[in-house]
Amino acid sequence: MKAVIYEGPNVLTYKDVDDVSPKYNEVKIKIRACGICGSDIHGYLGITGRRIPPVIMGHEFAGEIIQLGEGVNDLKTGDRVAVYPLDFCGECEMCKKRDMHLCLNKRAFGVLDVDGAFAEYICVPSKVCFKLNDNISYKVGSLMEPLAVSYRAVRHLGDLSGKDVLIIGAGTIGLLALACVKMQNPNRIFVSDLSDYRLKIAKQMGADIVINSAADNLQEIIMAATNNKGVESVAEAVGITETVKQGIDAMAFGGTAVWIGISSKHIDLEMQQVVTRELKVKGSFLYGYDEFKEVVGYLNDGLLNVEPILSKEIALRDLPETMANLAVNPGNLIKVTVVN
């Protein structure tokens, strides 16, 4: 089969590799779509230590089941599935708490030395496959992984019905958080970013007020729109001091912020604001197995508008050149998807 192999920093090779066959309780999937994640780009550059060559990267994927291994009786060939990209043991302390993403024996597809989905085929346990309705494209199905990240984060904000919500950062995670917020019938959704193009996409996805914080004062606009109250909820999807501060400044007394972005290891934060205004700050990382399942259900039910973030599709053979370009100049591209 064909695959793209990460050979080392800045080196991807499109070539023939050994085909795969399903083991007990596994299925073989024809990969139809696999999104390029920011972490894949960082891995390609060799700056994270999270990709150990030689390895096939790619963890945001959906496809068609073409072969069943022994023991599989809940799926059939021809099923269209999104894949929870983590093999978990089901027996450790964390799995028993339903925190499979924290499994002590986990294997994440496309990460470290575990082969992923920048290939024609992959074999995965049947337990990590979730069926997609026929009207859901494989490209949209491949968004389930980042969508689950955003969904978990938005859940940390609690009930958003009737509330004003600010989302800082209109990249993949911020825009998918917007889709999750929109499901909850908030009063208004504010979105800020430095890119007018991304803010245009935010508008298409249901943002009420968009703010280019490079050109306009975010806090002034928020306070004018809320009669100097501020917003009750903030999702910060960048992760640097400046944007974290913007979120804190825009919050109402007693408000809640969830931090999803991790661009910086350390930030400077005015602690007195958090204390004296009784603000609540929560962190959110990855997603659980049950949350992934819930997200697929919402998508199948037509409750999530995520397609506008799909910017471009490429063939597998074009991935090395595309990855090199994205690492230098992503331009207005939000989500690039490899399709087979």
Protein backbone atom coordinates (compact mmCIF):
# COMPACT_ATOMS: atom_id res chain seq x y z
CA MET A 1 0.00 0.00 0.00
CA LYS A 2 1.01 3.64 -0.36
CA ALA A 3 1.84 5.77 2.66
CA VAL A 4 3.72 8.92 3.62
CA ILE A 5 6.53 8.19 6.04
CA TYR A 6 8.05 10.70 8.44
CA GLU A 7 11.76 9.95 8.06
CA GLY A 8 13.08 12.77 10.26
CA PRO A 9 12.83 16.56 10.64
CA ASN A 10 11.54 18.12 7.40
CA VAL A 11 11.56 14.78 5.58
CA LEU A 12 8.38 13.06 4.40
CA THR A 13 8.47 10.30 1.78
CA TYR A 14 5.57 8.97 -0.29
CA LYS A 15 6.26 5.30 -0.98
CA ASP A 16 5.12 1.69 -0.88
CA VAL A 17 4.97 0.01 2.53
CA ASP A 18 3.76 -3.38 3.73
CA ASP A 19 0.00 -3.80 3.66
CA VAL A 20 -1.86 -4.28 6.95
CA SER A 21 -4.22 -7.04 8.10
CA PRO A 22 -6.70 -6.91 11.00
CA LYS A 23 -5.95 -8.85 14.17
CA TYR A 24 -8.52 -10.18 16.60
CA ASN A 25 -11.21 -7.53 17.31
CA GLU A 26 -9.72 -5.21 14.69
CA VAL A 27 -11.06 -3.87 11.41
CA LYS A 28 -9.21 -2.79 8.29
CA ILE A 29 -10.22 0.66 7.08
CA LYS A 30 -9.79 2.25 3.70
CA ILE A 31 -8.85 5.76 4.76
CA ARG A 32 -11.01 8.22 2.86
CA ALA A 33 -10.02 11.46 4.63
CA CYS A 34 -7.35 12.50 7.12
CA GLY A 35 -6.92 16.05 8.36
CA ILE A 36 -3.55 17.70 8.84
CA CYS A 37 -3.26 18.81 12.47
CA GLY A 38 -1.01 21.57 13.74
CA SER A 39 0.74 18.94 15.84
CA ASP A 40 1.55 17.03 12.63
CA ILE A 41 3.28 20.14 11.30
CA HIS A 42 5.23 20.53 14.54
CA GLY A 43 6.10 16.84 14.39
CA TYR A 44 7.25 17.20 10.79
CA LEU A 45 9.56 20.02 11.88
CA GLY A 46 10.97 17.80 14.64
CA ILE A 47 10.36 20.30 17.42
CA THR A 48 8.12 18.28 19.76
CA GLY A 49 9.66 14.85 20.19
CA ARG A 50 6.16 13.43 19.67
CA ARG A 51 6.94 11.78 16.32
CA ILE A 52 9.61 9.06 16.27
CA PRO A 53 10.85 8.22 12.77
CA PRO A 54 10.16 6.21 10.77
CA VAL A 55 6.42 6.56 11.37
CA ILE A 56 3.20 7.26 9.50
CA MET A 57 1.60 10.37 11.00
CA GLY A 58 -2.08 11.37 10.86
CA HIS A 59 -4.71 11.01 13.58
CA GLU A 60 -7.78 12.92 12.33
CA PHE A 61 -9.40 10.36 10.05
CA ALA A 62 -12.50 8.67 8.73
CA GLY A 63 -12.97 5.85 6.27
CA GLU A 64 -14.73 2.73 5.08
CA ILE A 65 -14.42 -0.68 6.71
CA ILE A 66 -13.25 -3.18 4.11
CA GLN A 67 -12.29 -6.19 6.25
CA LEU A 68 -13.25 -7.60 9.66
CA GLY A 69 -10.89 -9.39 11.99
CA GLU A 70 -11.98 -12.34 14.10
CA GLY A 71 -14.30 -11.44 16.97
CA VAL A 72 -15.83 -8.35 15.34
CA ASN A 73 -19.63 -8.61 15.28
CA ASP A 74 -20.84 -5.03 15.84
CA LEU A 75 -19.60 -3.67 12.50
CA LYS A 76 -19.71 -4.81 8.90
CA THR A 77 -17.82 -4.20 5.69
CA GLY A 78 -19.00 -1.06 3.99
CA ASP A 79 -19.65 0.79 7.26
CA ARG A 80 -18.54 4.43 7.15
CA VAL A 81 -16.76 5.35 10.37
CA ALA A 82 -14.97 8.11 12.23
CA VAL A 83 -12.16 6.80 14.41
CA TYR A 84 -11.31 7.64 18.01
CA PRO A 85 -7.55 7.68 17.41
CA LEU A 86 -6.47 6.02 20.63
CA ASP A 87 -6.16 2.35 21.53
CA PHE A 88 -6.81 1.97 25.26
CA CYS A 89 -6.51 -1.05 27.53
CA GLY A 90 -9.89 -0.78 29.30
CA GLU A 91 -8.39 -2.29 32.44
CA CYS A 92 -6.23 0.37 34.12
CA GLU A 93 -7.37 2.80 36.80
CA MET A 94 -7.98 5.62 34.34
CA CYS A 95 -9.97 3.48 31.90
CA LYS A 96 -12.17 2.26 34.74
CA LYS A 97 -12.93 5.93 35.45
CA ARG A 98 -13.92 6.31 31.77
CA ASP A 99 -10.87 8.55 31.22
CA MET A 100 -9.61 6.49 28.30
CA HIS A 101 -7.61 9.43 26.95
CA LEU A 102 -5.48 9.13 30.10
CA CYS A 103 -5.07 5.34 29.80
CA LEU A 104 -1.81 4.22 31.36
CA ASN A 105 -1.21 1.84 28.44
CA LYS A 106 -2.55 3.93 25.56
CA ARG A 107 -1.32 3.91 21.97
CA ALA A 108 -2.21 7.01 19.96
CA PHE A 109 -2.36 6.48 16.20
CA GLY A 110 0.07 8.71 14.31
CA VAL A 111 1.93 9.73 17.48
CA LEU A 112 5.35 8.66 18.77
CA ASP A 113 6.10 5.36 16.97
CA VAL A 114 2.51 4.21 16.30
CA ASP A 115 1.52 4.37 12.64
CA GLY A 116 -1.41 6.60 11.75
CA ALA A 117 -3.61 7.47 8.79
CA PHE A 118 -1.48 9.23 6.17
CA ALA A 119 -1.79 6.00 4.23
CA GLU A 120 -4.24 4.04 2.11
CA TYR A 121 -5.24 1.64 4.88
CA ILE A 122 -5.07 1.22 8.63
CA CYS A 123 -6.15 -1.44 11.13
CA VAL A 124 -7.73 -0.32 14.40
CA PRO A 125 -9.74 -1.96 17.20
CA SER A 126 -13.45 -2.09 16.41
CA LYS A 127 -14.20 -0.37 19.74
CA VAL A 128 -12.75 2.92 18.45
CA CYS A 129 -14.98 3.07 15.35
CA PHE A 130 -18.16 5.16 15.29
CA LYS A 131 -20.59 4.97 12.41
CA LEU A 132 -21.25 8.01 10.23
CA ASN A 133 -24.59 8.61 8.53
CA ASP A 134 -24.54 8.36 4.75
CA ASN A 135 -25.13 12.11 4.40
CA ILE A 136 -21.96 12.96 6.35
CA SER A 137 -18.94 13.33 4.07
CA TYR A 138 -15.70 11.62 4.99
CA LYS A 139 -14.01 15.03 5.12
CA VAL A 140 -16.47 16.18 7.76
CA GLY A 141 -16.09 12.84 9.51
CA SER A 142 -12.34 13.44 9.78
CA LEU A 143 -13.07 16.56 11.85
CA MET A 144 -14.34 14.48 14.78
CA GLU A 145 -10.98 14.48 16.58
CA PRO A 146 -10.47 18.26 16.77
CA LEU A 147 -14.23 18.70 17.23
CA ALA A 148 -14.07 16.47 20.31
CA VAL A 149 -11.26 18.66 21.69
CA SER A 150 -13.49 21.72 21.33
CA TYR A 151 -16.57 19.94 22.64
CA ARG A 152 -14.82 18.92 25.87
CA ALA A 153 -13.59 22.48 26.38
CA VAL A 154 -17.02 24.02 25.86
CA ARG A 155 -18.53 21.54 28.33
CA HIS A 156 -16.25 23.03 31.00
CA LEU A 157 -18.16 26.31 30.59
CA GLY A 158 -21.41 24.72 31.77
CA ASP A 159 -24.86 25.79 30.61
CA LEU A 160 -24.49 28.59 28.05
CA SER A 161 -28.16 29.13 27.32
CA GLY A 162 -28.89 32.87 27.20
CA LYS A 163 -25.28 33.84 28.00
CA ASP A 164 -22.78 36.00 26.16
CA VAL A 165 -19.75 33.97 25.08
CA LEU A 166 -16.38 35.15 23.75
CA ILE A 167 -14.15 32.85 21.71
CA ILE A 168 -10.57 34.06 21.28
CA GLY A 169 -8.81 32.52 18.30
CA ALA A 170 -10.58 31.47 15.10
CA GLY A 171 -8.35 28.59 14.11
CA THR A 172 -9.59 25.01 13.87
CA ILE A 173 -10.22 24.57 17.60
CA GLY A 174 -11.76 28.01 18.14
CA LEU A 175 -14.11 27.66 15.18
CA LEU A 176 -15.17 24.16 16.21
CA ALA A 177 -15.75 25.52 19.73
CA LEU A 178 -18.03 28.07 18.08
CA ALA A 179 -20.04 25.23 16.54
CA CYS A 180 -20.37 23.58 19.95
CA VAL A 181 -21.36 26.83 21.66
CA LYS A 182 -23.96 27.48 18.96
CA MET A 183 -25.75 24.24 19.91
CA GLN A 184 -26.46 25.62 23.37
CA ASN A 185 -28.55 28.65 22.34
CA PRO A 186 -26.38 31.38 23.87
CA ASN A 187 -27.45 35.03 23.82
CA ARG A 188 -24.56 36.20 21.63
CA ILE A 189 -21.27 34.76 20.44
CA PHE A 190 -18.28 37.10 20.06
CA VAL A 191 -15.23 35.84 18.16
CA SER A 192 -11.86 37.58 17.99
CA ASP A 193 -8.87 36.87 15.78
CA LEU A 194 -6.17 38.69 13.80
CA SER A 195 -7.40 37.38 10.44
CA ASP A 196 -10.35 38.92 8.62
CA TYR A 197 -10.64 35.72 6.56
CA ARG A 198 -11.02 33.54 9.65
CA LEU A 199 -13.51 35.97 11.11
CA LYS A 200 -15.49 35.69 7.88
CA ILE A 201 -15.64 31.92 8.42
CA ALA A 202 -16.74 32.54 12.02
CA LYS A 203 -19.62 34.64 10.70
CA GLN A 204 -20.62 31.82 8.36
CA MET A 205 -20.68 29.46 11.34
CA GLY A 206 -22.98 31.67 13.39
CA ALA A 207 -20.87 34.22 15.27
CA ASP A 208 -22.91 37.32 16.13
CA ILE A 209 -20.06 39.81 16.51
CA VAL A 210 -16.53 39.35 15.12
CA ILE A 211 -13.59 41.47 16.20
CA ASN A 212 -10.19 41.86 14.58
CA SER A 213 -8.17 42.56 17.70
CA ALA A 214 -5.25 43.87 15.63
CA ALA A 215 -7.41 46.75 14.42
CA ASP A 216 -9.97 47.23 17.21
CA ASN A 217 -9.99 47.31 20.99
CA LEU A 218 -11.56 44.02 22.03
CA GLN A 219 -12.43 45.06 25.57
CA GLU A 220 -14.04 48.33 24.50
CA ILE A 221 -16.26 46.54 21.99
CA ILE A 222 -17.25 43.85 24.49
CA MET A 223 -18.06 46.36 27.22
CA ALA A 224 -20.05 48.60 24.87
CA ALA A 225 -22.09 45.62 23.69
CA THR A 226 -22.76 44.31 27.21
CA ASN A 227 -23.48 47.60 29.00
CA ASN A 228 -20.10 47.37 30.78
CA LYS A 229 -20.92 43.98 32.24
CA GLY A 230 -18.63 41.76 30.17
CA VAL A 231 -19.26 38.24 28.94
CA GLU A 232 -20.15 35.37 31.25
CA SER A 233 -18.03 32.80 29.40
CA VAL A 234 -14.73 32.82 27.51
CA ALA A 235 -13.05 30.10 25.45
CA GLU A 236 -9.38 30.99 24.91
CA ALA A 237 -7.99 29.02 21.97
CA VAL A 238 -4.61 30.68 21.42
CA GLY A 239 -2.58 30.31 24.60
CA ILE A 240 -0.35 33.38 24.90
CA THR A 241 -0.23 36.08 27.56
CA GLU A 242 -1.87 38.76 25.41
CA THR A 243 -4.94 36.71 24.49
CA VAL A 244 -5.35 35.26 27.98
CA LYS A 245 -5.32 38.82 29.32
CA GLN A 246 -7.90 39.87 26.72
CA GLY A 247 -10.17 37.11 27.92
CA ILE A 248 -9.80 38.01 31.59
CA ASP A 249 -10.43 41.71 30.89
CA ALA A 250 -13.59 40.92 28.92
CA MET A 251 -15.18 38.72 31.61
CA ALA A 252 -18.09 39.62 33.83
CA PHE A 253 -17.81 39.23 37.62
CA GLY A 254 -18.07 35.54 38.49
CA GLY A 255 -17.47 34.53 34.86
CA THR A 256 -15.83 31.35 33.66
CA ALA A 257 -12.96 30.93 31.21
CA VAL A 258 -11.72 27.71 29.66
CA TRP A 259 -8.19 27.62 28.30
CA ILE A 260 -7.65 25.36 25.28
CA GLY A 261 -4.68 27.03 23.59
CA ILE A 262 -1.16 26.03 24.67
CA SER A 263 1.06 28.14 22.44
CA SER A 264 3.14 29.31 25.42
CA LYS A 265 4.49 27.19 28.25
CA HIS A 266 4.25 30.14 30.68
CA ILE A 267 2.04 33.24 30.75
CA ASP A 268 1.85 36.35 32.93
CA LEU A 269 -1.51 36.69 34.67
CA GLU A 270 -2.86 39.42 36.95
CA MET A 271 -3.93 37.23 39.83
CA GLN A 272 -5.79 40.02 41.67
CA GLN A 273 -8.36 40.24 38.86
CA VAL A 274 -9.13 36.56 39.18
CA VAL A 275 -9.42 36.74 42.96
CA THR A 276 -11.28 40.00 43.46
CA ARG A 277 -13.78 39.38 40.66
CA GLU A 278 -14.16 35.70 41.58
CA LEU A 279 -13.39 34.51 38.08
CA LYS A 280 -13.19 30.80 37.35
CA VAL A 281 -10.45 29.50 35.05
CA LYS A 282 -10.38 25.92 33.80
CA GLY A 283 -8.01 24.07 31.54
CA SER A 284 -9.13 21.54 28.95
CA PHE A 285 -7.01 18.90 27.23
CA LEU A 286 -7.94 16.35 24.60
CA TYR A 287 -11.27 14.53 24.99
CA GLY A 288 -12.73 11.35 26.41
CA TYR A 289 -14.07 8.30 24.61
CA ASP A 290 -17.63 9.12 25.62
CA GLU A 291 -17.27 12.72 24.46
CA PHE A 292 -16.05 11.55 21.06
CA LYS A 293 -19.10 9.30 20.81
CA GLU A 294 -21.42 12.18 21.76
CA VAL A 295 -19.88 14.46 19.14
CA VAL A 296 -20.41 11.90 16.39
CA GLY A 297 -24.02 11.62 17.52
CA TYR A 298 -24.56 15.38 17.35
CA LEU A 299 -23.02 15.46 13.89
CA ASN A 300 -25.20 12.59 12.67
CA ASP A 301 -28.24 14.44 14.06
CA GLY A 302 -27.39 17.54 12.03
CA LEU A 303 -26.77 19.75 15.07
CA LEU A 304 -23.23 20.88 14.22
CA ASN A 305 -22.18 23.19 11.40
CA VAL A 306 -18.50 22.42 10.84
CA GLU A 307 -18.01 22.20 7.07
CA PRO A 308 -16.94 25.87 6.59
CA ILE A 309 -13.54 25.20 8.18
CA LEU A 310 -12.60 22.73 5.42
CA SER A 311 -10.22 24.80 3.30
CA LYS A 312 -8.55 22.44 0.85
CA GLU A 313 -8.23 18.79 -0.09
CA ILE A 314 -5.11 17.13 -1.44
CA ALA A 315 -4.05 13.68 -2.63
CA LEU A 316 -1.82 11.53 -0.43
CA ARG A 317 1.08 11.85 -2.89
CA ASP A 318 0.98 15.64 -2.47
CA LEU A 319 1.30 15.56 1.32
CA PRO A 320 5.11 16.04 1.54
CA GLU A 321 5.01 19.21 -0.56
CA THR A 322 1.88 20.49 1.20
CA MET A 323 3.34 19.90 4.67
CA ALA A 324 6.49 21.80 3.73
CA ASN A 325 4.39 24.72 2.52
CA LEU A 326 2.13 24.75 5.57
CA ALA A 327 5.15 24.79 7.87
CA VAL A 328 6.34 28.03 6.23
CA ASN A 329 3.21 29.82 5.06
CA PRO A 330 -0.27 28.44 5.84
CA GLY A 331 -1.93 31.59 4.49
CA ASN A 332 -5.70 31.52 4.91
CA LEU A 333 -5.91 27.75 5.08
CA ILE A 334 -7.65 26.45 8.19
CA LYS A 335 -8.09 22.70 7.68
CA VAL A 336 -6.33 20.85 4.88
CA THR A 337 -7.53 17.29 4.33
CA VAL A 338 -5.82 14.37 2.62
CA VAL A 339 -8.42 12.41 0.64
CA ASN A 340 -8.13 8.94 -0.90
